[in-house]
C-alpha atoms as a PDB file:
ATOM      1  CA  MET A   1     -33.488  -0.745 -58.896  1.00  0.00           C
ATOM      2  CA  LEU A   2     -34.989  -2.368 -55.808  1.00  0.00           C
ATOM      3  CA  ASN A   3     -33.024  -2.891 -52.596  1.00  0.00           C
ATOM      4  CA  TRP A   4     -34.060  -6.395 -51.444  1.00  0.00           C
ATOM      5  CA  GLN A   5     -33.963  -7.196 -47.722  1.00  0.00           C
ATOM      6  CA  LYS A   6     -34.338 -10.646 -46.192  1.00  0.00           C
ATOM      7  CA  SER A   7     -37.175 -11.036 -43.728  1.00  0.00           C
ATOM      8  CA  THR A   8     -36.023 -11.327 -40.123  1.00  0.00           C
ATOM      9  CA  PHE A   9     -38.469 -14.251 -39.779  1.00  0.00           C
ATOM     10  CA  SER A  10     -36.667 -16.325 -42.451  1.00  0.00           C
ATOM     11  CA  PRO A  11     -34.299 -18.954 -41.065  1.00  0.00           C
ATOM     12  CA  GLU A  12     -30.675 -18.843 -42.213  1.00  0.00           C
ATOM     13  CA  ALA A  13     -30.501 -22.076 -44.205  1.00  0.00           C
ATOM     14  CA  SER A  14     -33.951 -22.512 -45.699  1.00  0.00           C
ATOM     15  CA  SER A  15     -36.332 -20.721 -48.020  1.00  0.00           C
ATOM     16  CA  CYS A  16     -36.127 -17.006 -47.399  1.00  0.00           C
ATOM     17  CA  VAL A  17     -38.615 -14.252 -48.098  1.00  0.00           C
ATOM     18  CA  TYR A  18     -37.249 -10.971 -49.422  1.00  0.00           C
ATOM     19  CA  VAL A  19     -39.029  -7.609 -49.379  1.00  0.00           C
ATOM     20  CA  ALA A  20     -38.290  -4.390 -51.252  1.00  0.00           C
ATOM     21  CA  SER A  21     -40.114  -1.077 -51.262  1.00  0.00           C
ATOM     22  CA  ALA A  22     -40.433   0.978 -54.423  1.00  0.00           C
ATOM     23  CA  PRO A  23     -40.400   4.782 -54.625  1.00  0.00           C
ATOM     24  CA  ASP A  24     -44.148   4.729 -55.408  1.00  0.00           C
ATOM     25  CA  GLY A  25     -44.867   2.996 -52.051  1.00  0.00           C
ATOM     26  CA  ALA A  26     -45.448  -0.471 -53.508  1.00  0.00           C
ATOM     27  CA  LEU A  27     -44.004  -3.499 -51.748  1.00  0.00           C
ATOM     28  CA  TRP A  28     -42.340  -6.265 -53.738  1.00  0.00           C
ATOM     29  CA  LEU A  29     -41.983  -9.807 -52.378  1.00  0.00           C
ATOM     30  CA  ARG A  30     -39.982 -12.773 -53.619  1.00  0.00           C
ATOM     31  CA  GLU A  31     -38.833 -16.135 -52.291  1.00  0.00           C
ATOM     32  CA  SER A  32     -35.217 -17.283 -52.532  1.00  0.00           C
ATOM     33  CA  ASP A  33     -36.006 -20.589 -54.292  1.00  0.00           C
ATOM     34  CA  GLU A  34     -37.734 -18.766 -57.186  1.00  0.00           C
ATOM     35  CA  PRO A  35     -36.397 -15.177 -57.232  1.00  0.00           C
ATOM     36  CA  GLU A  36     -37.867 -14.532 -60.689  1.00  0.00           C
ATOM     37  CA  ALA A  37     -41.403 -14.968 -59.276  1.00  0.00           C
ATOM     38  CA  VAL A  38     -42.122 -11.543 -57.776  1.00  0.00           C
ATOM     39  CA  LEU A  39     -45.329 -10.230 -56.192  1.00  0.00           C
ATOM     40  CA  ARG A  40     -46.290  -6.550 -56.018  1.00  0.00           C
ATOM     41  CA  THR A  41     -48.643  -5.368 -53.272  1.00  0.00           C
ATOM     42  CA  THR A  42     -49.380  -2.515 -50.896  1.00  0.00           C
ATOM     43  CA  SER A  43     -48.597  -2.322 -47.197  1.00  0.00           C
ATOM     44  CA  GLY A  44     -52.338  -2.385 -46.370  1.00  0.00           C
ATOM     45  CA  ALA A  45     -52.990  -5.519 -48.419  1.00  0.00           C
ATOM     46  CA  LEU A  46     -49.956  -7.289 -46.953  1.00  0.00           C
ATOM     47  CA  ARG A  47     -51.028  -6.301 -43.435  1.00  0.00           C
ATOM     48  CA  ALA A  48     -54.524  -7.744 -44.090  1.00  0.00           C
ATOM     49  CA  LEU A  49     -53.042 -10.996 -45.415  1.00  0.00           C
ATOM     50  CA  ILE A  50     -50.789 -11.394 -42.368  1.00  0.00           C
ATOM     51  CA  ARG A  51     -53.724 -10.728 -40.013  1.00  0.00           C
ATOM     52  CA  GLY A  52     -55.820 -13.318 -41.858  1.00  0.00           C
ATOM     53  CA  VAL A  53     -53.082 -15.944 -41.693  1.00  0.00           C
ATOM     54  CA  LYS A  54     -52.590 -15.332 -37.963  1.00  0.00           C
ATOM     55  CA  ALA A  55     -56.356 -15.573 -37.404  1.00  0.00           C
ATOM     56  CA  GLY A  56     -56.525 -18.943 -39.217  1.00  0.00           C
ATOM     57  CA  GLN A  57     -58.676 -17.665 -42.080  1.00  0.00           C
ATOM     58  CA  PHE A  58     -56.735 -19.745 -44.623  1.00  0.00           C
ATOM     59  CA  GLU A  59     -56.410 -23.522 -44.787  1.00  0.00           C
ATOM     60  CA  VAL A  60     -54.000 -25.449 -46.963  1.00  0.00           C
ATOM     61  CA  GLY A  61     -55.883 -27.518 -49.517  1.00  0.00           C
ATOM     62  CA  ARG A  62     -59.156 -25.657 -49.076  1.00  0.00           C
ATOM     63  CA  PRO A  63     -60.565 -24.285 -52.353  1.00  0.00           C
ATOM     64  CA  VAL A  64     -60.718 -20.521 -52.683  1.00  0.00           C
ATOM     65  CA  SER A  65     -64.295 -19.263 -52.866  1.00  0.00           C
END
């Protein structure tokens, strides 16, 4: 069973992101509005995604190439 924790960056009354770590080192992510939709990733991949978002590498509405 996973122990879900709410992100400290999620506001109190809106959509919240939850994170859980599995014994095998995997990270699991879900969003409070759709808790059945769960993503599995690694800490390295999540770190790379966060860096890319902060660096502006992703644009909403831009097709993925």
